[in-house]
Amino acid sequence: MRIHTAALAAAILCLPLTACSSDGADKPKVTANGRDTTDSPQAVSTKPMVLGKAAETIGSPNPVDGPGGGVLELGPTTVTYATKATGETPENGVFAIVAYKARSTKAVAAAESAPIDGGGWEWTAPDGQAVDTLSGNSTNVTPSGYSSGGTVKPGTYQWRTQAFDITTAQRGGILTYTDGDGTTWRWTMPAKDTGPELAKLKAALG
């Protein structure tokens, strides 16, 4: 009888340890680059990256010009602010134009997620307002030598730009991109022109 009682007591003492172990297994698993690997509908990188840091993003699942999937490495490198670009004038005061490299890193073509799918690029101003690439006259900013969409073939890269029609007070802030897997990546944007592509980008803007 005493043996049974001791065994029961030992089993009860083990229960809290088991519960603690289970709780730990349910916690989000975050990789070194801040990506949440749990099955949440939309994960967000925990810390904004600096300009020049690339992120491996999941390609759009349903691009308009081909099969979806793949991996697209996106690396914003340069930002410039302009009151006129490719003959266009911003409605809100200034264009924020970001140049970045888009590279397909797998054996399949990959495309960026689009706003129509709930993905793509946004500019988060210092006051928290989100501005997408469809606002104002931003869609008409098309610098020569850069693209802004379509698929990237395996083993190749393209230089691309995204433009945002913002107010002067909204310079700086956070650049965000939501990929085909629902993960949002973030980069801290300087409030002044900077980056290795700056001279080339300004020349392309006219």
C-alpha atoms as a PDB file:
ATOM      1  CA  MET A   1       0.000   0.000   0.000  1.00  0.00           C
ATOM      2  CA  ARG A   2       2.828   2.361   0.883  1.00  0.00           C
ATOM      3  CA  ILE A   3       4.474   1.626  -2.493  1.00  0.00           C
ATOM      4  CA  HIS A   4       1.280   2.641  -4.379  1.00  0.00           C
ATOM      5  CA  THR A   5       0.988   5.875  -2.334  1.00  0.00           C
ATOM      6  CA  ALA A   6       4.593   6.854  -3.070  1.00  0.00           C
ATOM      7  CA  ALA A   7       4.144   6.207  -6.787  1.00  0.00           C
ATOM      8  CA  LEU A   8       0.971   8.353  -6.851  1.00  0.00           C
ATOM      9  CA  ALA A   9       2.749  11.227  -5.063  1.00  0.00           C
ATOM     10  CA  ALA A  10       5.637  11.082  -7.510  1.00  0.00           C
ATOM     11  CA  ALA A  11       3.222  11.226 -10.467  1.00  0.00           C
ATOM     12  CA  ILE A  12       1.472  14.297  -9.011  1.00  0.00           C
ATOM     13  CA  LEU A  13       4.790  16.074  -8.500  1.00  0.00           C
ATOM     14  CA  CYS A  14       5.686  15.519 -12.155  1.00  0.00           C
ATOM     15  CA  LEU A  15       2.496  17.172 -13.473  1.00  0.00           C
ATOM     16  CA  PRO A  16       3.620  20.833 -13.151  1.00  0.00           C
ATOM     17  CA  LEU A  17       6.872  20.025 -14.925  1.00  0.00           C
ATOM     18  CA  THR A  18       4.958  18.491 -17.813  1.00  0.00           C
ATOM     19  CA  ALA A  19       2.664  21.523 -18.013  1.00  0.00           C
ATOM     20  CA  CYS A  20       5.636  23.877 -18.117  1.00  0.00           C
ATOM     21  CA  SER A  21       7.224  21.858 -20.901  1.00  0.00           C
ATOM     22  CA  SER A  22       3.982  21.993 -22.923  1.00  0.00           C
ATOM     23  CA  ASP A  23       3.710  25.774 -22.490  1.00  0.00           C
ATOM     24  CA  GLY A  24       7.237  26.223 -23.837  1.00  0.00           C
ATOM     25  CA  ALA A  25       6.400  24.216 -26.958  1.00  0.00           C
ATOM     26  CA  ASP A  26       3.526  26.583 -27.769  1.00  0.00           C
ATOM     27  CA  LYS A  27       5.672  29.717 -27.739  1.00  0.00           C
ATOM     28  CA  PRO A  28       6.468  31.311 -31.145  1.00  0.00           C
ATOM     29  CA  LYS A  29       9.741  30.216 -32.666  1.00  0.00           C
ATOM     30  CA  VAL A  30      11.634  33.266 -33.914  1.00  0.00           C
ATOM     31  CA  THR A  31      14.682  32.994 -36.164  1.00  0.00           C
ATOM     32  CA  ALA A  32      17.743  35.222 -36.006  1.00  0.00           C
ATOM     33  CA  ASN A  33      16.338  37.589 -38.636  1.00  0.00           C
ATOM     34  CA  GLY A  34      13.168  38.103 -36.622  1.00  0.00           C
ATOM     35  CA  ARG A  35      10.837  35.814 -38.594  1.00  0.00           C
ATOM     36  CA  ASP A  36       8.104  34.051 -36.645  1.00  0.00           C
ATOM     37  CA  THR A  37       7.990  30.408 -37.782  1.00  0.00           C
ATOM     38  CA  THR A  38       4.641  29.525 -36.195  1.00  0.00           C
ATOM     39  CA  ASP A  39       1.510  29.064 -38.281  1.00  0.00           C
ATOM     40  CA  SER A  40       0.045  32.472 -37.467  1.00  0.00           C
ATOM     41  CA  PRO A  41      -1.946  34.118 -40.317  1.00  0.00           C
ATOM     42  CA  GLN A  42       0.544  36.982 -40.502  1.00  0.00           C
ATOM     43  CA  ALA A  43       3.911  37.137 -38.788  1.00  0.00           C
ATOM     44  CA  VAL A  44       5.868  40.352 -38.354  1.00  0.00           C
ATOM     45  CA  SER A  45       9.628  40.685 -38.129  1.00  0.00           C
ATOM     46  CA  THR A  46      10.290  41.747 -34.560  1.00  0.00           C
ATOM     47  CA  LYS A  47      12.944  44.409 -35.227  1.00  0.00           C
ATOM     48  CA  PRO A  48      13.300  46.738 -38.254  1.00  0.00           C
ATOM     49  CA  MET A  49      16.374  46.068 -40.358  1.00  0.00           C
ATOM     50  CA  VAL A  50      18.778  48.735 -41.530  1.00  0.00           C
ATOM     51  CA  LEU A  51      18.888  50.005 -45.104  1.00  0.00           C
ATOM     52  CA  GLY A  52      21.076  47.615 -47.096  1.00  0.00           C
ATOM     53  CA  LYS A  53      20.033  44.467 -45.223  1.00  0.00           C
ATOM     54  CA  ALA A  54      18.334  41.856 -47.426  1.00  0.00           C
ATOM     55  CA  ALA A  55      15.478  39.535 -46.420  1.00  0.00           C
ATOM     56  CA  GLU A  56      14.516  36.171 -47.933  1.00  0.00           C
ATOM     57  CA  THR A  57      10.802  36.457 -48.629  1.00  0.00           C
ATOM     58  CA  ILE A  58       8.251  33.971 -49.947  1.00  0.00           C
ATOM     59  CA  GLY A  59       7.113  34.692 -53.496  1.00  0.00           C
ATOM     60  CA  SER A  60       3.535  35.537 -54.398  1.00  0.00           C
ATOM     61  CA  PRO A  61       1.357  32.399 -54.509  1.00  0.00           C
ATOM     62  CA  ASN A  62      -0.676  33.717 -57.468  1.00  0.00           C
ATOM     63  CA  PRO A  63       1.327  36.107 -59.669  1.00  0.00           C
ATOM     64  CA  VAL A  64      -0.382  37.332 -62.840  1.00  0.00           C
ATOM     65  CA  ASP A  65       2.396  36.167 -65.168  1.00  0.00           C
ATOM     66  CA  GLY A  66       3.235  32.660 -63.993  1.00  0.00           C
ATOM     67  CA  PRO A  67       3.197  29.978 -61.290  1.00  0.00           C
ATOM     68  CA  GLY A  68       3.641  31.135 -57.723  1.00  0.00           C
ATOM     69  CA  GLY A  69       6.026  30.344 -54.920  1.00  0.00           C
ATOM     70  CA  GLY A  70       9.778  30.463 -54.830  1.00  0.00           C
ATOM     71  CA  VAL A  71      11.952  32.707 -52.699  1.00  0.00           C
ATOM     72  CA  LEU A  72      12.683  36.335 -53.461  1.00  0.00           C
ATOM     73  CA  GLU A  73      15.559  38.038 -51.670  1.00  0.00           C
ATOM     74  CA  LEU A  74      14.711  41.730 -51.297  1.00  0.00           C
ATOM     75  CA  GLY A  75      17.324  44.270 -50.265  1.00  0.00           C
ATOM     76  CA  PRO A  76      16.422  47.978 -50.104  1.00  0.00           C
ATOM     77  CA  THR A  77      19.652  49.971 -50.433  1.00  0.00           C
ATOM     78  CA  THR A  78      18.788  53.580 -51.291  1.00  0.00           C
ATOM     79  CA  VAL A  79      16.135  56.196 -50.582  1.00  0.00           C
ATOM     80  CA  THR A  80      15.652  59.641 -52.080  1.00  0.00           C
ATOM     81  CA  TYR A  81      13.028  62.346 -51.623  1.00  0.00           C
ATOM     82  CA  ALA A  82      11.904  64.411 -54.603  1.00  0.00           C
ATOM     83  CA  THR A  83       9.363  67.145 -55.330  1.00  0.00           C
ATOM     84  CA  LYS A  84       9.386  66.046 -58.969  1.00  0.00           C
ATOM     85  CA  ALA A  85      10.198  62.647 -60.492  1.00  0.00           C
ATOM     86  CA  THR A  86       9.942  61.335 -64.082  1.00  0.00           C
ATOM     87  CA  GLY A  87       7.815  64.384 -64.912  1.00  0.00           C
ATOM     88  CA  GLU A  88       5.349  63.774 -62.076  1.00  0.00           C
ATOM     89  CA  THR A  89       4.496  66.045 -59.127  1.00  0.00           C
ATOM     90  CA  PRO A  90       3.408  64.518 -55.791  1.00  0.00           C
ATOM     91  CA  GLU A  91      -0.086  65.318 -54.550  1.00  0.00           C
ATOM     92  CA  ASN A  92       0.994  65.365 -50.899  1.00  0.00           C
ATOM     93  CA  GLY A  93       4.281  67.273 -51.116  1.00  0.00           C
ATOM     94  CA  VAL A  94       7.109  64.828 -51.777  1.00  0.00           C
ATOM     95  CA  PHE A  95       7.881  61.437 -53.292  1.00  0.00           C
ATOM     96  CA  ALA A  96       9.826  58.930 -51.206  1.00  0.00           C
ATOM     97  CA  ILE A  97      11.518  56.624 -53.726  1.00  0.00           C
ATOM     98  CA  VAL A  98      13.274  53.433 -52.641  1.00  0.00           C
ATOM     99  CA  ALA A  99      15.680  51.436 -54.809  1.00  0.00           C
ATOM    100  CA  TYR A 100      16.164  47.761 -54.002  1.00  0.00           C
ATOM    101  CA  LYS A 101      17.568  44.541 -55.427  1.00  0.00           C
ATOM    102  CA  ALA A 102      15.156  41.624 -56.016  1.00  0.00           C
ATOM    103  CA  ARG A 103      16.873  38.242 -56.469  1.00  0.00           C
ATOM    104  CA  SER A 104      15.310  34.821 -57.078  1.00  0.00           C
ATOM    105  CA  THR A 105      17.269  32.356 -54.922  1.00  0.00           C
ATOM    106  CA  LYS A 106      15.546  29.073 -55.805  1.00  0.00           C
ATOM    107  CA  ALA A 107      15.132  27.004 -58.985  1.00  0.00           C
ATOM    108  CA  VAL A 108      11.787  28.635 -59.804  1.00  0.00           C
ATOM    109  CA  ALA A 109      10.798  32.155 -60.794  1.00  0.00           C
ATOM    110  CA  ALA A 110       9.420  34.327 -57.998  1.00  0.00           C
ATOM    111  CA  ALA A 111       7.250  37.439 -57.927  1.00  0.00           C
ATOM    112  CA  GLU A 112       6.496  40.041 -55.297  1.00  0.00           C
ATOM    113  CA  SER A 113       3.168  40.029 -53.492  1.00  0.00           C
ATOM    114  CA  ALA A 114       0.684  42.624 -54.683  1.00  0.00           C
ATOM    115  CA  PRO A 115      -1.611  44.960 -52.700  1.00  0.00           C
ATOM    116  CA  ILE A 116      -4.633  43.182 -54.219  1.00  0.00           C
ATOM    117  CA  ASP A 117      -3.514  40.030 -52.350  1.00  0.00           C
ATOM    118  CA  GLY A 118      -2.999  41.922 -49.089  1.00  0.00           C
ATOM    119  CA  GLY A 119       0.773  42.074 -49.579  1.00  0.00           C
ATOM    120  CA  GLY A 120       3.388  44.320 -51.121  1.00  0.00           C
ATOM    121  CA  TRP A 121       5.083  47.521 -49.975  1.00  0.00           C
ATOM    122  CA  GLU A 122       4.002  50.267 -47.564  1.00  0.00           C
ATOM    123  CA  TRP A 123       5.575  53.339 -46.017  1.00  0.00           C
ATOM    124  CA  THR A 124       4.844  53.762 -42.311  1.00  0.00           C
ATOM    125  CA  ALA A 125       5.337  57.414 -41.380  1.00  0.00           C
ATOM    126  CA  PRO A 126       6.809  58.479 -38.003  1.00  0.00           C
ATOM    127  CA  ASP A 127       3.270  59.242 -36.766  1.00  0.00           C
ATOM    128  CA  GLY A 128       2.132  55.709 -37.650  1.00  0.00           C
ATOM    129  CA  GLN A 129       0.156  56.439 -40.840  1.00  0.00           C
ATOM    130  CA  ALA A 130       0.575  53.756 -43.510  1.00  0.00           C
ATOM    131  CA  VAL A 131       0.940  54.924 -47.111  1.00  0.00           C
ATOM    132  CA  ASP A 132       0.791  52.376 -49.931  1.00  0.00           C
ATOM    133  CA  THR A 133       2.274  52.518 -53.420  1.00  0.00           C
ATOM    134  CA  LEU A 134      -1.120  53.345 -54.977  1.00  0.00           C
ATOM    135  CA  SER A 135      -1.574  56.677 -53.171  1.00  0.00           C
ATOM    136  CA  GLY A 136      -1.338  60.026 -54.965  1.00  0.00           C
ATOM    137  CA  ASN A 137       0.825  60.056 -58.094  1.00  0.00           C
ATOM    138  CA  SER A 138       3.269  57.404 -56.927  1.00  0.00           C
ATOM    139  CA  THR A 139       2.286  54.836 -59.581  1.00  0.00           C
ATOM    140  CA  ASN A 140       3.411  57.246 -62.314  1.00  0.00           C
ATOM    141  CA  VAL A 141       7.002  57.413 -61.032  1.00  0.00           C
ATOM    142  CA  THR A 142       8.869  55.085 -63.414  1.00  0.00           C
ATOM    143  CA  PRO A 143      12.641  55.705 -63.391  1.00  0.00           C
ATOM    144  CA  SER A 144      14.540  54.399 -66.414  1.00  0.00           C
ATOM    145  CA  GLY A 145      16.635  51.307 -65.731  1.00  0.00           C
ATOM    146  CA  TYR A 146      14.454  50.094 -62.863  1.00  0.00           C
ATOM    147  CA  SER A 147      11.371  47.873 -62.792  1.00  0.00           C
ATOM    148  CA  SER A 148       8.627  47.568 -60.206  1.00  0.00           C
ATOM    149  CA  GLY A 149       7.007  44.179 -60.750  1.00  0.00           C
ATOM    150  CA  GLY A 150       6.822  40.921 -62.677  1.00  0.00           C
ATOM    151  CA  THR A 151       8.632  37.659 -61.983  1.00  0.00           C
ATOM    152  CA  VAL A 152      12.356  37.293 -61.448  1.00  0.00           C
ATOM    153  CA  LYS A 153      13.883  34.292 -63.214  1.00  0.00           C
ATOM    154  CA  PRO A 154      15.848  31.699 -61.207  1.00  0.00           C
ATOM    155  CA  GLY A 155      19.438  32.705 -60.509  1.00  0.00           C
ATOM    156  CA  THR A 156      18.926  36.333 -61.624  1.00  0.00           C
ATOM    157  CA  TYR A 157      18.187  39.668 -60.004  1.00  0.00           C
ATOM    158  CA  GLN A 158      16.632  43.001 -60.950  1.00  0.00           C
ATOM    159  CA  TRP A 159      17.006  46.533 -59.651  1.00  0.00           C
ATOM    160  CA  ARG A 160      13.589  47.878 -58.746  1.00  0.00           C
ATOM    161  CA  THR A 161      11.984  50.948 -57.199  1.00  0.00           C
ATOM    162  CA  GLN A 162       8.889  51.717 -55.176  1.00  0.00           C
ATOM    163  CA  ALA A 163       7.550  55.258 -54.775  1.00  0.00           C
ATOM    164  CA  PHE A 164       5.300  56.717 -52.081  1.00  0.00           C
ATOM    165  CA  ASP A 165       3.435  60.033 -52.261  1.00  0.00           C
ATOM    166  CA  ILE A 166       3.879  61.457 -48.750  1.00  0.00           C
ATOM    167  CA  THR A 167       3.974  64.742 -46.852  1.00  0.00           C
ATOM    168  CA  THR A 168       7.267  66.385 -45.890  1.00  0.00           C
ATOM    169  CA  ALA A 169       6.645  65.482 -42.236  1.00  0.00           C
ATOM    170  CA  GLN A 170       6.393  61.787 -43.219  1.00  0.00           C
ATOM    171  CA  ARG A 171      10.014  61.518 -44.377  1.00  0.00           C
ATOM    172  CA  GLY A 172      11.827  58.784 -42.500  1.00  0.00           C
ATOM    173  CA  GLY A 173       9.838  56.096 -40.718  1.00  0.00           C
ATOM    174  CA  ILE A 174       9.567  52.409 -41.617  1.00  0.00           C
ATOM    175  CA  LEU A 175       9.459  50.674 -44.998  1.00  0.00           C
ATOM    176  CA  THR A 176       7.421  47.444 -44.858  1.00  0.00           C
ATOM    177  CA  TYR A 177       6.905  44.514 -47.204  1.00  0.00           C
ATOM    178  CA  THR A 178       4.393  41.679 -46.719  1.00  0.00           C
ATOM    179  CA  ASP A 179       5.321  38.526 -48.649  1.00  0.00           C
ATOM    180  CA  GLY A 180       3.352  35.616 -50.106  1.00  0.00           C
ATOM    181  CA  ASP A 181       3.422  33.791 -46.774  1.00  0.00           C
ATOM    182  CA  GLY A 182       1.886  36.719 -44.877  1.00  0.00           C
ATOM    183  CA  THR A 183       5.132  37.686 -43.146  1.00  0.00           C
ATOM    184  CA  THR A 184       5.837  41.419 -42.880  1.00  0.00           C
ATOM    185  CA  TRP A 185       9.426  42.620 -43.144  1.00  0.00           C
ATOM    186  CA  ARG A 186      10.512  46.091 -41.974  1.00  0.00           C
ATOM    187  CA  TRP A 187      13.389  48.474 -42.675  1.00  0.00           C
ATOM    188  CA  THR A 188      14.241  51.745 -40.936  1.00  0.00           C
ATOM    189  CA  MET A 189      14.262  54.593 -43.473  1.00  0.00           C
ATOM    190  CA  PRO A 190      16.539  57.630 -43.049  1.00  0.00           C
ATOM    191  CA  ALA A 191      14.837  61.038 -43.354  1.00  0.00           C
ATOM    192  CA  LYS A 192      17.418  62.226 -45.892  1.00  0.00           C
ATOM    193  CA  ASP A 193      18.763  60.963 -49.228  1.00  0.00           C
ATOM    194  CA  THR A 194      21.191  58.081 -48.752  1.00  0.00           C
ATOM    195  CA  GLY A 195      22.489  54.865 -50.320  1.00  0.00           C
ATOM    196  CA  PRO A 196      24.945  53.519 -52.921  1.00  0.00           C
ATOM    197  CA  GLU A 197      22.417  53.822 -55.775  1.00  0.00           C
ATOM    198  CA  LEU A 198      21.697  57.485 -55.027  1.00  0.00           C
ATOM    199  CA  ALA A 199      23.460  59.116 -57.992  1.00  0.00           C
ATOM    200  CA  LYS A 200      22.083  56.566 -60.479  1.00  0.00           C
ATOM    201  CA  LEU A 201      18.581  56.802 -59.039  1.00  0.00           C
ATOM    202  CA  LYS A 202      18.496  60.618 -59.128  1.00  0.00           C
ATOM    203  CA  ALA A 203      19.675  60.609 -62.741  1.00  0.00           C
ATOM    204  CA  ALA A 204      16.930  58.124 -63.665  1.00  0.00           C
ATOM    205  CA  LEU A 205      14.283  60.318 -62.000  1.00  0.00           C
ATOM    206  CA  GLY A 206      15.190  63.320 -64.210  1.00  0.00           C
END
